[in-house]
PDB file of N, CA and C in Angstrom:
ATOM      1  N   MET A   1       8.068   9.151   9.389  1.00  0.00           N
ATOM      2  CA  MET A   1       7.516   8.471   8.825  1.00  0.00           C
ATOM      3  C   MET A   1       7.834   7.879   8.016  1.00  0.00           C
ATOM      4  N   LYS A   2       8.195   6.242   7.824  1.00  0.00           N
ATOM      5  CA  LYS A   2       8.560   5.546   6.901  1.00  0.00           C
ATOM      6  C   LYS A   2       7.106   5.006   5.739  1.00  0.00           C
ATOM      7  N   PHE A   3       7.809   4.977   4.482  1.00  0.00           N
ATOM      8  CA  PHE A   3       6.526   4.924   3.850  1.00  0.00           C
ATOM      9  C   PHE A   3       5.814   3.808   4.139  1.00  0.00           C
ATOM     10  N   CYS A   4       6.610   2.481   4.513  1.00  0.00           N
ATOM     11  CA  CYS A   4       5.661   1.445   4.636  1.00  0.00           C
ATOM     12  C   CYS A   4       4.698   1.719   5.836  1.00  0.00           C
ATOM     13  N   ASP A   5       4.830   2.777   6.941  1.00  0.00           N
ATOM     14  CA  ASP A   5       3.984   3.251   7.666  1.00  0.00           C
ATOM     15  C   ASP A   5       3.054   4.110   6.695  1.00  0.00           C
ATOM     16  N   ASN A   6       3.427   5.216   6.600  1.00  0.00           N
ATOM     17  CA  ASN A   6       2.620   5.987   5.635  1.00  0.00           C
ATOM     18  C   ASN A   6       1.198   5.506   4.784  1.00  0.00           C
ATOM     19  N   ILE A   7       2.170   4.273   3.632  1.00  0.00           N
ATOM     20  CA  ILE A   7       1.041   3.981   3.083  1.00  0.00           C
ATOM     21  C   ILE A   7      -0.294   3.346   3.388  1.00  0.00           C
ATOM     22  N   GLN A   8       0.061   2.785   4.853  1.00  0.00           N
ATOM     23  CA  GLN A   8      -1.028   1.992   5.630  1.00  0.00           C
ATOM     24  C   GLN A   8      -1.868   2.878   6.469  1.00  0.00           C
ATOM     25  N   LYS A   9      -1.276   3.589   6.646  1.00  0.00           N
ATOM     26  CA  LYS A   9      -1.897   4.842   7.443  1.00  0.00           C
ATOM     27  C   LYS A   9      -2.819   5.202   6.447  1.00  0.00           C
ATOM     28  N   LEU A  10      -2.535   5.650   5.333  1.00  0.00           N
ATOM     29  CA  LEU A  10      -3.572   6.755   4.738  1.00  0.00           C
ATOM     30  C   LEU A  10      -4.334   5.640   3.945  1.00  0.00           C
ATOM     31  N   ARG A  11      -3.996   4.516   3.761  1.00  0.00           N
ATOM     32  CA  ARG A  11      -4.709   3.367   2.947  1.00  0.00           C
ATOM     33  C   ARG A  11      -6.113   3.754   4.003  1.00  0.00           C
ATOM     34  N   LYS A  12      -5.889   3.045   5.029  1.00  0.00           N
ATOM     35  CA  LYS A  12      -7.176   2.451   6.614  1.00  0.00           C
ATOM     36  C   LYS A  12      -7.868   4.101   6.625  1.00  0.00           C
ATOM     37  N   GLU A  13      -6.903   5.284   6.323  1.00  0.00           N
ATOM     38  CA  GLU A  13      -7.987   6.616   6.452  1.00  0.00           C
ATOM     39  C   GLU A  13      -8.918   6.536   5.372  1.00  0.00           C
ATOM     40  N   LYS A  14      -8.538   6.432   4.345  1.00  0.00           N
ATOM     41  CA  LYS A  14      -9.684   6.707   3.317  1.00  0.00           C
ATOM     42  C   LYS A  14     -10.383   5.485   2.774  1.00  0.00           C
ATOM     43  N   HIS A  15     -10.616   4.126   3.910  1.00  0.00           N
ATOM     44  CA  HIS A  15     -11.507   2.779   4.240  1.00  0.00           C
ATOM     45  C   HIS A  15     -11.248   2.387   2.785  1.00  0.00           C
ATOM     46  N   MET A  16     -10.248   1.847   3.013  1.00  0.00           N
ATOM     47  CA  MET A  16      -9.444   0.946   1.071  1.00  0.00           C
ATOM     48  C   MET A  16      -9.121  -0.094   1.689  1.00  0.00           C
ATOM     49  N   SER A  17      -9.793  -1.387   0.980  1.00  0.00           N
ATOM     50  CA  SER A  17      -8.549  -2.580   1.242  1.00  0.00           C
ATOM     51  C   SER A  17      -6.989  -2.159   0.256  1.00  0.00           C
ATOM     52  N   GLN A  18      -6.057  -2.850   0.530  1.00  0.00           N
ATOM     53  CA  GLN A  18      -5.164  -2.992  -0.780  1.00  0.00           C
ATOM     54  C   GLN A  18      -5.475  -3.655  -1.531  1.00  0.00           C
ATOM     55  N   GLU A  19      -6.507  -4.683  -1.866  1.00  0.00           N
ATOM     56  CA  GLU A  19      -7.010  -4.494  -3.355  1.00  0.00           C
ATOM     57  C   GLU A  19      -7.394  -3.284  -3.708  1.00  0.00           C
ATOM     58  N   GLN A  20      -8.332  -2.569  -3.654  1.00  0.00           N
ATOM     59  CA  GLN A  20      -8.727  -1.464  -4.106  1.00  0.00           C
ATOM     60  C   GLN A  20      -7.934  -0.689  -4.004  1.00  0.00           C
ATOM     61  N   LEU A  21      -6.857  -0.220  -3.605  1.00  0.00           N
ATOM     62  CA  LEU A  21      -5.498   0.786  -3.874  1.00  0.00           C
ATOM     63  C   LEU A  21      -4.986  -0.089  -4.448  1.00  0.00           C
ATOM     64  N   ALA A  22      -4.946  -1.323  -5.095  1.00  0.00           N
ATOM     65  CA  ALA A  22      -4.025  -1.860  -6.526  1.00  0.00           C
ATOM     66  C   ALA A  22      -4.692  -1.465  -7.213  1.00  0.00           C
ATOM     67  N   GLU A  23      -5.734  -2.154  -7.434  1.00  0.00           N
ATOM     68  CA  GLU A  23      -6.603  -1.254  -8.524  1.00  0.00           C
ATOM     69  C   GLU A  23      -6.217  -0.101  -8.762  1.00  0.00           C
ATOM     70  N   LYS A  24      -6.636   1.024  -7.792  1.00  0.00           N
ATOM     71  CA  LYS A  24      -6.095   2.330  -8.387  1.00  0.00           C
ATOM     72  C   LYS A  24      -4.837   2.539  -9.172  1.00  0.00           C
ATOM     73  N   LEU A  25      -3.447   1.693  -8.257  1.00  0.00           N
ATOM     74  CA  LEU A  25      -2.629   2.092  -8.475  1.00  0.00           C
ATOM     75  C   LEU A  25      -2.110   1.217 -10.067  1.00  0.00           C
ATOM     76  N   ASN A  26      -3.162   0.482  -9.821  1.00  0.00           N
ATOM     77  CA  ASN A  26      -2.650  -0.529 -11.482  1.00  0.00           C
ATOM     78  C   ASN A  26      -1.339  -1.376 -11.478  1.00  0.00           C
ATOM     79  N   VAL A  27      -1.427  -2.062  -9.647  1.00  0.00           N
ATOM     80  CA  VAL A  27      -0.567  -2.950  -9.331  1.00  0.00           C
ATOM     81  C   VAL A  27      -1.271  -4.030  -8.625  1.00  0.00           C
ATOM     82  N   SER A  28      -0.410  -5.328  -8.241  1.00  0.00           N
ATOM     83  CA  SER A  28      -0.723  -6.162  -7.893  1.00  0.00           C
ATOM     84  C   SER A  28      -1.055  -5.986  -6.056  1.00  0.00           C
ATOM     85  N   ARG A  29      -2.058  -6.921  -5.825  1.00  0.00           N
ATOM     86  CA  ARG A  29      -2.148  -6.810  -4.151  1.00  0.00           C
ATOM     87  C   ARG A  29      -1.310  -7.457  -3.327  1.00  0.00           C
ATOM     88  N   GLN A  30      -0.789  -8.156  -3.756  1.00  0.00           N
ATOM     89  CA  GLN A  30       0.962  -8.262  -3.388  1.00  0.00           C
ATOM     90  C   GLN A  30       1.800  -7.104  -2.629  1.00  0.00           C
ATOM     91  N   ALA A  31       1.607  -6.055  -4.707  1.00  0.00           N
ATOM     92  CA  ALA A  31       2.740  -5.864  -3.937  1.00  0.00           C
ATOM     93  C   ALA A  31       2.584  -4.272  -2.923  1.00  0.00           C
ATOM     94  N   VAL A  32       1.279  -4.285  -3.166  1.00  0.00           N
ATOM     95  CA  VAL A  32       0.717  -3.428  -1.669  1.00  0.00           C
ATOM     96  C   VAL A  32       1.267  -3.597  -0.547  1.00  0.00           C
ATOM     97  N   SER A  33       0.824  -5.425  -0.316  1.00  0.00           N
ATOM     98  CA  SER A  33       1.280  -5.633   0.794  1.00  0.00           C
ATOM     99  C   SER A  33       2.827  -5.554   1.393  1.00  0.00           C
ATOM    100  N   LYS A  34       3.550  -5.236   0.183  1.00  0.00           N
ATOM    101  CA  LYS A  34       5.313  -6.038   0.529  1.00  0.00           C
ATOM    102  C   LYS A  34       4.991  -4.519   0.606  1.00  0.00           C
ATOM    103  N   TRP A  35       4.745  -3.222   0.195  1.00  0.00           N
ATOM    104  CA  TRP A  35       5.037  -1.615   0.608  1.00  0.00           C
ATOM    105  C   TRP A  35       4.947  -1.900   1.738  1.00  0.00           C
ATOM    106  N   GLU A  36       3.690  -2.208   2.334  1.00  0.00           N
ATOM    107  CA  GLU A  36       2.890  -2.042   3.539  1.00  0.00           C
ATOM    108  C   GLU A  36       3.917  -2.512   4.570  1.00  0.00           C
ATOM    109  N   LEU A  37       4.637  -3.851   4.336  1.00  0.00           N
ATOM    110  CA  LEU A  37       5.167  -4.993   5.134  1.00  0.00           C
ATOM    111  C   LEU A  37       7.274  -4.357   5.347  1.00  0.00           C
ATOM    112  N   GLY A  38       7.586  -3.234   4.376  1.00  0.00           N
ATOM    113  CA  GLY A  38       8.799  -2.612   3.834  1.00  0.00           C
ATOM    114  C   GLY A  38       9.470  -3.787   3.724  1.00  0.00           C
ATOM    115  N   VAL A  39       9.126  -4.669   2.915  1.00  0.00           N
ATOM    116  CA  VAL A  39       9.420  -5.463   1.963  1.00  0.00           C
ATOM    117  C   VAL A  39      10.283  -5.328   0.923  1.00  0.00           C
ATOM    118  N   SER A  40       9.229  -4.732  -0.164  1.00  0.00           N
ATOM    119  CA  SER A  40       9.541  -3.706  -1.131  1.00  0.00           C
ATOM    120  C   SER A  40       9.561  -2.433  -1.234  1.00  0.00           C
ATOM    121  N   ILE A  41      10.364  -1.347  -2.241  1.00  0.00           N
ATOM    122  CA  ILE A  41       9.583  -0.256  -2.224  1.00  0.00           C
ATOM    123  C   ILE A  41       9.763   0.124  -3.200  1.00  0.00           C
ATOM    124  N   VAL A  42       9.073   1.669  -3.417  1.00  0.00           N
ATOM    125  CA  VAL A  42       8.595   2.108  -4.390  1.00  0.00           C
ATOM    126  C   VAL A  42       9.900   3.106  -5.258  1.00  0.00           C
ATOM    127  N   LYS A  43      10.183   2.838  -6.416  1.00  0.00           N
ATOM    128  CA  LYS A  43      11.439   3.630  -7.067  1.00  0.00           C
ATOM    129  C   LYS A  43      10.519   4.469  -7.855  1.00  0.00           C
TER     130      LYS A  43
END
């Protein structure tokens, strides 16, 4: 499973919005969106 698929699946299982996940990770909502789209990856 790719990171982009995995992060979205886990986020939805926890009933979290991208905004909520971004707050927990101290990143922007746009960063979470890019991760889920596979546009940007976490190093």
